[in-house]
Amino acid sequence: MGKFYFSLIFNKNVWTDEVFTFDLLRYDLKGIVEKTAEDVHPPLYYFYAKIFELISPQNIQIQKIAAILPMAAILVYMGVVIKKEFGEAHAFLSILFLSCLPCTMEFAVQIRMYSLALFFVTLAGIEAYRAYIHEDIKHWIYMGIGVLGAAYTHYFAFVSVCFAMFFLLVAILISKKKLVKKWLICSLVLLIGYTPWLPSFVKQYTSVRENYWIPPITGEVLKSYLTWTFGLELVKGAEIAYLILLTIVFVWACMGIKKKGIRFAILCMLVPTATTVSGVLISLTKSPIYRDQYVLPALGLLATYVGIVCADKLKSKAKYLVILFVLFMLFSGAVQYKECFRQEYKSSYTDKTMEFFEDNLGENDYVIYNYRAMGFVYKFYFPEDRLIYVEDFDLSSDYDNAWFLYTLNNWPVTENDCINYNLGMEYLGVYGIEHNDFDLYRIYHN
């Protein structure tokens, strides 16, 4: 799968959240901590991405590789560990499900913290099982790394690993009470390890609860969670097929609940389920704080659940349904790859726009724009000292060309302006950056 992810990185496309990442990476580590504390996420991903920033500053391809590496690490880890604990078929089916999920393929190349959070939550959940089964201190350490890493990467990844720790405690209290002491010591160490960030966490949580932009939870919003996770843009109703698949897997899991591996698989499934339910419930109490993509860090455990349960059926009459599952996942992955390829290479005019400005932006030229909210994104692509909001630009000043990014229904440069300042204005066509298309004009002195 790595080469498929890698094939998606050779473009100039970045979305608004990715621009925010690049903006933070301009700061040193102290600055990253201070700026992140003012945002709504913990800082670990930015520390990680800063390593790649030092290799090549503000490089889109390098940062996309940085995003892909944790995803590749998850697939290798699952291939080794799940195979060792359960079997080769279990590992293969788990990897297949995770790799071909529509949302994971899309987010694996986004310059954000989701693939790193996915790695830590998957590590924490699987190592919690190994700590329980093998009672080896190294698995407690690996689990602790996963828990602390998730907590410092994304807050809902933090929620997911908290549920994983809770389910481990429940299992210990039911059948291995001798491990309670290790669980308490591990939890105390993790709490101490998170203490430096606790004040920022409390401040961010309070701020978000007072005022956040996420829309209220409605029936349509709940439905959109399913569509975001399992929907295919090119195949309508794919999320229904996934829902049927997961229902069949759940029935199989209930039928085999007496098996040790199946019980672990069910607990894996409960982590993303509990994460989503808790996020929705919290959002219903005051201002919403939960988004569809916040479940993504826990989807490695959902994949583990599906892989273990389906592989358990390979020696039964249901093996033909498992074969159909494999074919469906391969189909889903192929369709989603086509969609991701379109998103990365054909969904915007960014490459065309930047090629134009590389050829035409002169030393005495300015870029002016009329969509103020996009200024933050434009600053990533254009020299900041030559990028000016249209109302702040003096049309009578000394310049060779003012390249006007005109977004419809925003402040224009009018025909009267051209007459008053003796200007010419030439229309050059439709261009765009991110998902904001605009008409491009060249403004010049007559």
Protein backbone atom coordinates (compact mmCIF):
# COMPACT_ATOMS: atom_id res chain seq x y z
CA MET A 1 0.00 0.00 0.00
CA GLY A 2 2.92 2.32 0.64
CA LYS A 3 3.59 2.92 -3.05
CA PHE A 4 -0.09 3.83 -3.62
CA TYR A 5 0.06 6.43 -0.84
CA PHE A 6 3.38 7.68 -2.17
CA SER A 7 1.91 8.16 -5.66
CA LEU A 8 -0.50 10.77 -4.24
CA ILE A 9 2.06 13.28 -2.99
CA PHE A 10 3.37 14.89 -6.19
CA ASN A 11 1.23 18.01 -6.31
CA LYS A 12 1.01 21.50 -4.85
CA ASN A 13 -2.37 20.99 -3.16
CA VAL A 14 -2.74 21.75 0.53
CA TRP A 15 -5.99 22.40 2.41
CA THR A 16 -6.58 25.09 5.04
CA ASP A 17 -5.72 22.84 8.00
CA GLU A 18 -2.52 21.78 6.26
CA VAL A 19 -1.57 25.43 5.76
CA PHE A 20 -2.02 25.84 9.51
CA THR A 21 0.51 23.02 9.97
CA PHE A 22 3.02 24.73 7.70
CA ASP A 23 2.47 28.03 9.49
CA LEU A 24 3.25 26.45 12.87
CA LEU A 25 6.38 24.78 11.50
CA ARG A 26 7.94 28.20 10.89
CA TYR A 27 8.39 28.52 14.67
CA ASP A 28 10.96 26.89 16.93
CA LEU A 29 9.85 24.27 19.47
CA LYS A 30 9.01 26.90 22.09
CA GLY A 31 6.94 28.82 19.56
CA ILE A 32 5.14 25.63 18.50
CA VAL A 33 4.18 24.93 22.12
CA GLU A 34 2.91 28.49 22.62
CA LYS A 35 0.94 28.59 19.37
CA THR A 36 -0.48 25.09 19.82
CA ALA A 37 -1.63 25.98 23.33
CA GLU A 38 -3.74 28.73 21.70
CA ASP A 39 -5.27 26.19 19.29
CA VAL A 40 -7.34 23.04 19.94
CA HIS A 41 -4.73 20.29 19.52
CA PRO A 42 -1.72 19.01 21.48
CA PRO A 43 1.78 19.62 20.06
CA LEU A 44 3.43 16.22 19.41
CA TYR A 45 2.62 15.98 15.72
CA TYR A 46 4.15 19.40 15.10
CA PHE A 47 7.34 18.33 16.91
CA TYR A 48 7.44 15.28 14.67
CA ALA A 49 6.79 17.29 11.50
CA LYS A 50 9.42 19.86 12.56
CA ILE A 51 12.11 17.21 12.01
CA PHE A 52 11.11 17.04 8.34
CA GLU A 53 10.78 20.81 8.17
CA LEU A 54 14.46 21.08 9.13
CA ILE A 55 15.33 18.74 6.24
CA SER A 56 13.48 20.87 3.69
CA PRO A 57 11.52 23.96 4.86
CA GLN A 58 7.90 24.38 3.73
CA ASN A 59 8.17 21.39 1.39
CA ILE A 60 4.81 19.82 0.58
CA GLN A 61 6.21 16.48 -0.61
CA ILE A 62 8.49 16.05 2.41
CA GLN A 63 5.59 16.72 4.79
CA LYS A 64 3.30 14.33 2.93
CA ILE A 65 5.98 11.65 3.34
CA ALA A 66 6.05 12.50 7.06
CA ALA A 67 2.29 11.89 7.16
CA ILE A 68 2.58 8.59 5.28
CA LEU A 69 5.32 7.09 7.48
CA PRO A 70 3.12 6.48 10.58
CA MET A 71 0.53 4.80 8.35
CA ALA A 72 3.20 2.56 6.87
CA ALA A 73 4.45 1.81 10.39
CA ILE A 74 0.93 0.73 11.45
CA LEU A 75 0.65 -1.71 8.56
CA VAL A 76 4.07 -3.22 9.32
CA TYR A 77 3.31 -3.41 13.05
CA MET A 78 -0.06 -5.08 12.46
CA GLY A 79 1.49 -7.48 9.99
CA VAL A 80 4.11 -8.59 12.51
CA VAL A 81 2.20 -8.51 15.80
CA ILE A 82 -1.26 -9.71 14.76
CA LYS A 83 0.35 -12.52 12.78
CA LYS A 84 2.41 -13.49 15.84
CA GLU A 85 -0.54 -13.39 18.26
CA PHE A 86 -3.34 -14.74 16.07
CA GLY A 87 -2.18 -15.85 12.64
CA GLU A 88 -1.29 -14.74 9.13
CA ALA A 89 -4.89 -14.58 7.86
CA HIS A 90 -5.91 -12.40 10.83
CA ALA A 91 -3.10 -9.97 10.06
CA PHE A 92 -3.84 -9.89 6.33
CA LEU A 93 -7.56 -9.20 6.76
CA SER A 94 -6.92 -6.51 9.39
CA ILE A 95 -4.43 -4.74 7.15
CA LEU A 96 -6.72 -5.06 4.14
CA PHE A 97 -9.65 -3.48 5.98
CA LEU A 98 -7.59 -0.60 7.36
CA SER A 99 -5.81 0.10 4.06
CA CYS A 100 -8.97 0.11 1.95
CA LEU A 101 -11.21 2.15 4.26
CA PRO A 102 -12.12 5.28 2.27
CA CYS A 103 -11.30 7.74 5.06
CA THR A 104 -7.91 6.25 5.99
CA MET A 105 -6.67 6.33 2.42
CA GLU A 106 -7.62 10.00 2.14
CA PHE A 107 -6.14 11.07 5.47
CA ALA A 108 -2.94 9.03 5.16
CA VAL A 109 -1.45 11.75 2.94
CA GLN A 110 -2.89 14.79 4.71
CA ILE A 111 -0.33 16.96 6.48
CA ARG A 112 -2.07 16.65 9.82
CA MET A 113 -1.81 14.56 12.96
CA TYR A 114 -4.31 11.84 12.10
CA SER A 115 -1.98 9.12 10.79
CA LEU A 116 0.34 9.59 13.79
CA ALA A 117 -2.63 9.45 16.18
CA LEU A 118 -3.84 6.31 14.38
CA PHE A 119 -0.45 4.70 14.97
CA PHE A 120 -0.42 5.48 18.70
CA VAL A 121 -4.01 4.33 19.36
CA THR A 122 -3.44 1.08 17.46
CA LEU A 123 -0.21 0.50 19.36
CA ALA A 124 -1.87 1.19 22.71
CA GLY A 125 -4.84 -1.10 22.06
CA ILE A 126 -2.91 -4.11 20.79
CA GLU A 127 -0.16 -3.78 23.39
CA ALA A 128 -2.82 -3.60 26.12
CA TYR A 129 -3.91 -7.08 25.02
CA ARG A 130 -0.32 -8.32 24.96
CA ALA A 131 0.34 -6.86 28.42
CA TYR A 132 -2.72 -8.72 29.69
CA ILE A 133 -1.84 -12.03 28.00
CA HIS A 134 1.94 -12.15 28.44
CA GLU A 135 2.28 -10.06 31.62
CA ASP A 136 5.62 -8.84 30.30
CA ILE A 137 6.84 -5.40 31.39
CA LYS A 138 7.90 -4.51 27.83
CA HIS A 139 4.29 -4.65 26.65
CA TRP A 140 3.23 -2.31 29.45
CA ILE A 141 5.96 0.07 28.28
CA TYR A 142 4.85 -0.18 24.63
CA MET A 143 1.27 0.42 25.69
CA GLY A 144 2.35 3.44 27.74
CA ILE A 145 4.16 4.88 24.73
CA GLY A 146 0.98 4.46 22.68
CA VAL A 147 -1.23 6.05 25.35
CA LEU A 148 1.04 9.01 26.01
CA GLY A 149 1.77 9.50 22.31
CA ALA A 150 -1.96 9.54 21.51
CA ALA A 151 -2.68 11.97 24.36
CA TYR A 152 -0.04 14.40 23.06
CA THR A 153 -1.18 14.05 19.43
CA HIS A 154 -4.98 14.43 19.35
CA TYR A 155 -7.57 14.81 22.11
CA PHE A 156 -10.00 12.25 20.75
CA ALA A 157 -7.09 9.85 20.29
CA PHE A 158 -6.62 10.52 24.01
CA VAL A 159 -10.27 9.59 24.57
CA SER A 160 -9.76 6.37 22.60
CA VAL A 161 -6.72 5.23 24.60
CA CYS A 162 -8.53 6.08 27.85
CA PHE A 163 -11.25 3.64 26.81
CA ALA A 164 -8.59 1.08 25.88
CA MET A 165 -7.06 1.45 29.36
CA PHE A 166 -10.51 1.17 30.95
CA PHE A 167 -11.35 -2.02 29.03
CA LEU A 168 -7.99 -3.47 30.08
CA LEU A 169 -8.85 -2.71 33.72
CA VAL A 170 -12.24 -4.41 33.34
CA ALA A 171 -10.57 -7.52 31.90
CA ILE A 172 -8.03 -7.49 34.76
CA LEU A 173 -10.71 -7.17 37.43
CA ILE A 174 -12.67 -10.06 35.92
CA SER A 175 -9.91 -12.63 35.54
CA LYS A 176 -6.41 -11.33 36.39
CA LYS A 177 -6.62 -9.26 39.55
CA LYS A 178 -2.90 -9.71 40.15
CA LEU A 179 -2.31 -7.21 37.34
CA VAL A 180 -4.21 -4.40 39.07
CA LYS A 181 -1.03 -3.11 40.70
CA LYS A 182 0.77 -2.91 37.34
CA TRP A 183 -2.22 -1.13 35.82
CA LEU A 184 -2.28 1.44 38.64
CA ILE A 185 1.47 2.06 38.44
CA CYS A 186 1.27 2.41 34.66
CA SER A 187 -1.66 4.84 34.94
CA LEU A 188 0.17 6.94 37.53
CA VAL A 189 3.29 7.14 35.35
CA LEU A 190 1.16 8.17 32.37
CA LEU A 191 -0.61 10.84 34.40
CA ILE A 192 2.75 12.26 35.51
CA GLY A 193 3.93 12.16 31.91
CA TYR A 194 0.93 14.20 30.81
CA THR A 195 1.08 16.71 33.66
CA PRO A 196 3.16 19.31 31.72
CA TRP A 197 0.35 19.68 29.18
CA LEU A 198 -2.60 19.53 31.60
CA PRO A 199 -2.94 23.34 32.07
CA SER A 200 -3.07 23.82 28.28
CA PHE A 201 -5.54 20.96 27.95
CA VAL A 202 -7.88 22.51 30.53
CA LYS A 203 -7.60 25.94 28.90
CA GLN A 204 -8.30 24.56 25.43
CA TYR A 205 -11.21 22.43 26.58
CA THR A 206 -12.80 25.38 28.38
CA SER A 207 -12.35 27.60 25.34
CA VAL A 208 -13.85 25.02 22.99
CA ARG A 209 -16.84 24.46 25.26
CA GLU A 210 -17.56 28.18 25.25
CA ASN A 211 -17.39 28.73 21.50
CA TYR A 212 -16.49 26.35 18.69
CA TRP A 213 -17.40 26.33 15.01
CA ILE A 214 -18.53 22.68 14.73
CA PRO A 215 -22.25 22.40 13.78
CA PRO A 216 -24.83 21.06 16.24
CA ILE A 217 -25.51 17.31 16.41
CA THR A 218 -28.56 16.44 14.30
CA GLY A 219 -29.84 13.32 12.60
CA GLU A 220 -28.17 14.40 9.35
CA VAL A 221 -24.89 15.01 11.14
CA LEU A 222 -25.01 11.53 12.70
CA LYS A 223 -25.68 10.05 9.27
CA SER A 224 -22.72 12.01 7.88
CA TYR A 225 -20.40 10.23 10.34
CA LEU A 226 -21.18 6.95 8.59
CA THR A 227 -20.81 8.51 5.15
CA TRP A 228 -17.47 10.14 6.03
CA THR A 229 -15.99 6.91 7.37
CA PHE A 230 -17.30 4.40 4.84
CA GLY A 231 -18.74 6.37 1.92
CA LEU A 232 -17.28 6.35 -1.59
CA GLU A 233 -17.74 9.44 -3.71
CA LEU A 234 -17.87 7.37 -6.89
CA VAL A 235 -20.14 4.57 -5.61
CA LYS A 236 -23.30 5.77 -3.91
CA GLY A 237 -24.49 3.65 -1.01
CA ALA A 238 -21.12 2.09 -0.24
CA GLU A 239 -21.59 3.02 3.42
CA ILE A 240 -24.67 0.77 3.49
CA ALA A 241 -22.58 -2.14 2.22
CA TYR A 242 -20.05 -1.44 4.97
CA LEU A 243 -22.84 -1.33 7.53
CA ILE A 244 -24.13 -4.73 6.37
CA LEU A 245 -20.58 -6.10 6.52
CA LEU A 246 -20.06 -4.84 10.06
CA THR A 247 -23.42 -6.25 11.11
CA ILE A 248 -22.43 -9.71 9.82
CA VAL A 249 -19.06 -9.44 11.58
CA PHE A 250 -20.82 -8.45 14.81
CA VAL A 251 -23.10 -11.50 14.61
CA TRP A 252 -20.06 -13.72 14.05
CA ALA A 253 -18.30 -12.10 17.00
CA CYS A 254 -21.27 -12.74 19.28
CA MET A 255 -21.35 -16.37 18.15
CA GLY A 256 -17.67 -16.84 19.04
CA ILE A 257 -17.57 -14.70 22.17
CA LYS A 258 -16.22 -17.57 24.30
CA LYS A 259 -12.97 -17.51 22.34
CA LYS A 260 -10.16 -15.42 23.85
CA GLY A 261 -9.24 -13.76 20.56
CA ILE A 262 -12.84 -12.84 19.77
CA ARG A 263 -13.31 -11.22 23.17
CA PHE A 264 -10.26 -9.07 22.51
CA ALA A 265 -11.63 -8.22 19.05
CA ILE A 266 -14.93 -7.07 20.53
CA LEU A 267 -13.08 -4.80 22.96
CA CYS A 268 -11.17 -3.37 19.99
CA MET A 269 -14.48 -2.60 18.29
CA LEU A 270 -15.79 -0.94 21.44
CA VAL A 271 -12.96 1.64 21.43
CA PRO A 272 -14.07 3.55 18.28
CA THR A 273 -17.70 2.98 19.24
CA ALA A 274 -17.24 4.45 22.71
CA THR A 275 -15.15 7.31 21.30
CA THR A 276 -17.93 8.32 18.91
CA VAL A 277 -20.73 7.91 21.46
CA SER A 278 -18.89 9.90 24.12
CA GLY A 279 -18.04 12.64 21.61
CA VAL A 280 -21.69 12.95 20.59
CA LEU A 281 -22.93 12.95 24.18
CA ILE A 282 -20.44 15.62 25.24
CA SER A 283 -21.43 17.69 22.19
CA LEU A 284 -25.09 17.49 23.17
CA THR A 285 -24.44 19.03 26.60
CA LYS A 286 -23.15 22.39 25.36
CA SER A 287 -21.35 23.61 22.22
CA PRO A 288 -20.47 20.72 19.86
CA ILE A 289 -16.83 19.56 19.91
CA TYR A 290 -17.01 16.28 17.97
CA ARG A 291 -16.38 15.89 14.23
CA ASP A 292 -16.65 12.84 11.99
CA GLN A 293 -12.88 12.56 11.47
CA TYR A 294 -12.13 12.39 15.19
CA VAL A 295 -12.86 8.64 15.18
CA LEU A 296 -10.08 8.01 12.65
CA PRO A 297 -7.30 7.38 15.23
CA ALA A 298 -9.33 4.42 16.60
CA LEU A 299 -10.00 2.78 13.23
CA GLY A 300 -6.88 0.62 13.45
CA LEU A 301 -8.59 -1.19 16.31
CA LEU A 302 -11.81 -1.51 14.29
CA ALA A 303 -9.70 -3.10 11.54
CA THR A 304 -8.14 -5.46 14.09
CA TYR A 305 -11.63 -6.48 15.20
CA VAL A 306 -12.84 -7.15 11.66
CA GLY A 307 -9.67 -9.05 10.70
CA ILE A 308 -9.69 -11.34 13.74
CA VAL A 309 -13.40 -12.16 13.52
CA CYS A 310 -13.39 -12.77 9.76
CA ALA A 311 -10.26 -14.92 9.86
CA ASP A 312 -11.91 -17.04 12.54
CA LYS A 313 -14.57 -17.96 9.98
CA LEU A 314 -12.17 -19.16 7.28
CA LYS A 315 -12.43 -22.77 8.49
CA SER A 316 -16.24 -22.72 8.56
CA LYS A 317 -19.00 -22.69 5.96
CA ALA A 318 -18.89 -18.89 6.11
CA LYS A 319 -15.49 -18.83 4.38
CA TYR A 320 -17.17 -17.86 1.09
CA LEU A 321 -18.56 -14.75 2.77
CA VAL A 322 -15.02 -13.94 3.89
CA ILE A 323 -13.87 -14.24 0.28
CA LEU A 324 -16.64 -11.83 -0.73
CA PHE A 325 -15.42 -9.50 2.03
CA VAL A 326 -11.90 -9.57 0.56
CA LEU A 327 -13.23 -8.82 -2.94
CA PHE A 328 -15.39 -5.97 -1.63
CA MET A 329 -12.47 -4.41 0.24
CA LEU A 330 -10.24 -4.61 -2.84
CA PHE A 331 -13.01 -2.97 -4.87
CA SER A 332 -13.51 -0.29 -2.22
CA GLY A 333 -9.78 0.41 -2.05
CA ALA A 334 -9.45 0.68 -5.84
CA VAL A 335 -12.41 3.08 -6.10
CA GLN A 336 -11.17 5.22 -3.22
CA TYR A 337 -7.66 5.37 -4.69
CA LYS A 338 -9.18 6.76 -7.89
CA GLU A 339 -11.06 9.37 -5.83
CA CYS A 340 -7.96 10.29 -3.79
CA PHE A 341 -5.99 10.65 -7.03
CA ARG A 342 -8.67 13.04 -8.31
CA GLN A 343 -8.63 15.01 -5.04
CA GLU A 344 -4.86 15.38 -5.07
CA TYR A 345 -4.33 16.11 -8.76
CA LYS A 346 -7.57 17.20 -10.41
CA SER A 347 -9.92 18.72 -7.84
CA SER A 348 -8.49 22.25 -7.96
CA TYR A 349 -6.61 24.67 -10.17
CA THR A 350 -3.72 24.95 -7.72
CA ASP A 351 -1.02 23.41 -9.92
CA LYS A 352 -2.15 25.46 -12.93
CA THR A 353 -2.24 28.64 -10.82
CA MET A 354 1.22 28.18 -9.35
CA GLU A 355 2.74 27.34 -12.72
CA PHE A 356 1.28 30.58 -14.07
CA PHE A 357 2.74 32.69 -11.27
CA GLU A 358 6.11 30.96 -11.43
CA ASP A 359 6.31 32.14 -15.02
CA ASN A 360 4.72 35.58 -14.66
CA LEU A 361 5.12 37.09 -11.16
CA GLY A 362 7.70 39.83 -11.61
CA GLU A 363 9.86 41.58 -9.01
CA ASN A 364 7.67 44.68 -9.07
CA ASP A 365 4.35 42.83 -9.17
CA TYR A 366 1.71 42.38 -6.47
CA VAL A 367 -0.96 39.78 -5.89
CA ILE A 368 -4.21 41.26 -4.63
CA TYR A 369 -7.26 39.29 -3.50
CA ASN A 370 -10.82 40.05 -2.41
CA TYR A 371 -11.74 36.97 -0.35
CA ARG A 372 -10.33 37.98 3.03
CA ALA A 373 -10.80 34.54 4.64
CA MET A 374 -8.48 32.99 2.03
CA GLY A 375 -5.63 35.33 2.86
CA PHE A 376 -4.28 32.80 5.36
CA VAL A 377 -4.02 30.18 2.59
CA TYR A 378 -2.69 32.59 -0.05
CA LYS A 379 0.19 33.51 2.27
CA PHE A 380 1.50 29.97 1.92
CA TYR A 381 1.73 30.27 -1.87
CA PHE A 382 2.73 33.89 -2.46
CA PRO A 383 5.47 36.16 -1.03
CA GLU A 384 3.85 37.82 1.97
CA ASP A 385 5.36 41.24 1.20
CA ARG A 386 3.65 41.22 -2.22
CA LEU A 387 0.28 39.79 -1.20
CA ILE A 388 -2.30 42.44 -0.27
CA TYR A 389 -6.03 42.46 0.39
CA VAL A 390 -7.72 44.53 -2.33
CA GLU A 391 -9.11 47.21 0.01
CA ASP A 392 -5.61 47.76 1.45
CA PHE A 393 -3.94 48.11 -1.96
CA ASP A 394 -3.20 51.54 -3.43
CA LEU A 395 -4.07 51.21 -7.12
CA SER A 396 -2.14 54.41 -7.88
CA SER A 397 1.13 53.12 -6.40
CA ASP A 398 4.21 52.12 -8.39
CA TYR A 399 3.96 48.54 -9.75
CA ASP A 400 4.27 46.73 -13.04
CA ASN A 401 1.33 44.35 -12.61
CA ALA A 402 -1.26 43.74 -9.93
CA TRP A 403 -2.57 40.21 -10.33
CA PHE A 404 -6.13 40.29 -9.02
CA LEU A 405 -7.61 37.05 -7.62
CA TYR A 406 -11.29 37.91 -8.01
CA THR A 407 -13.72 35.73 -6.05
CA LEU A 408 -17.34 36.33 -7.04
CA ASN A 409 -19.56 38.37 -4.70
CA ASN A 410 -16.60 39.97 -2.91
CA TRP A 411 -15.07 43.44 -3.25
CA PRO A 412 -14.18 44.05 -6.95
CA VAL A 413 -11.87 46.37 -8.81
CA THR A 414 -14.42 48.26 -10.92
CA GLU A 415 -14.40 49.96 -14.28
CA ASN A 416 -14.55 53.31 -12.46
CA ASP A 417 -11.36 52.41 -10.59
CA CYS A 418 -9.63 51.80 -13.91
CA ILE A 419 -10.82 55.16 -15.24
CA ASN A 420 -9.90 57.07 -12.07
CA TYR A 421 -6.38 55.63 -11.89
CA ASN A 422 -5.82 55.29 -15.68
CA LEU A 423 -5.49 51.51 -15.44
CA GLY A 424 -5.92 48.66 -17.86
CA MET A 425 -7.45 45.36 -16.74
CA GLU A 426 -7.06 42.12 -18.67
CA TYR A 427 -9.06 38.96 -17.96
CA LEU A 428 -6.83 35.84 -17.97
CA GLY A 429 -9.21 33.02 -17.11
CA VAL A 430 -10.36 30.82 -14.24
CA TYR A 431 -7.72 29.79 -11.72
CA GLY A 432 -7.87 28.74 -8.08
CA ILE A 433 -6.17 27.63 -4.89
CA GLU A 434 -7.51 24.92 -2.60
CA HIS A 435 -11.27 24.70 -3.35
CA ASN A 436 -11.60 28.44 -3.97
CA ASP A 437 -11.81 29.20 -7.68
CA PHE A 438 -11.38 32.77 -8.87
CA ASP A 439 -11.16 34.86 -12.03
CA LEU A 440 -7.63 36.13 -12.60
CA TYR A 441 -7.09 39.67 -13.90
CA ARG A 442 -3.91 41.55 -14.75
CA ILE A 443 -4.13 45.20 -13.67
CA TYR A 444 -1.53 47.60 -15.07
CA HIS A 445 -0.88 51.33 -15.61
CA ASN A 446 -1.78 52.65 -19.06
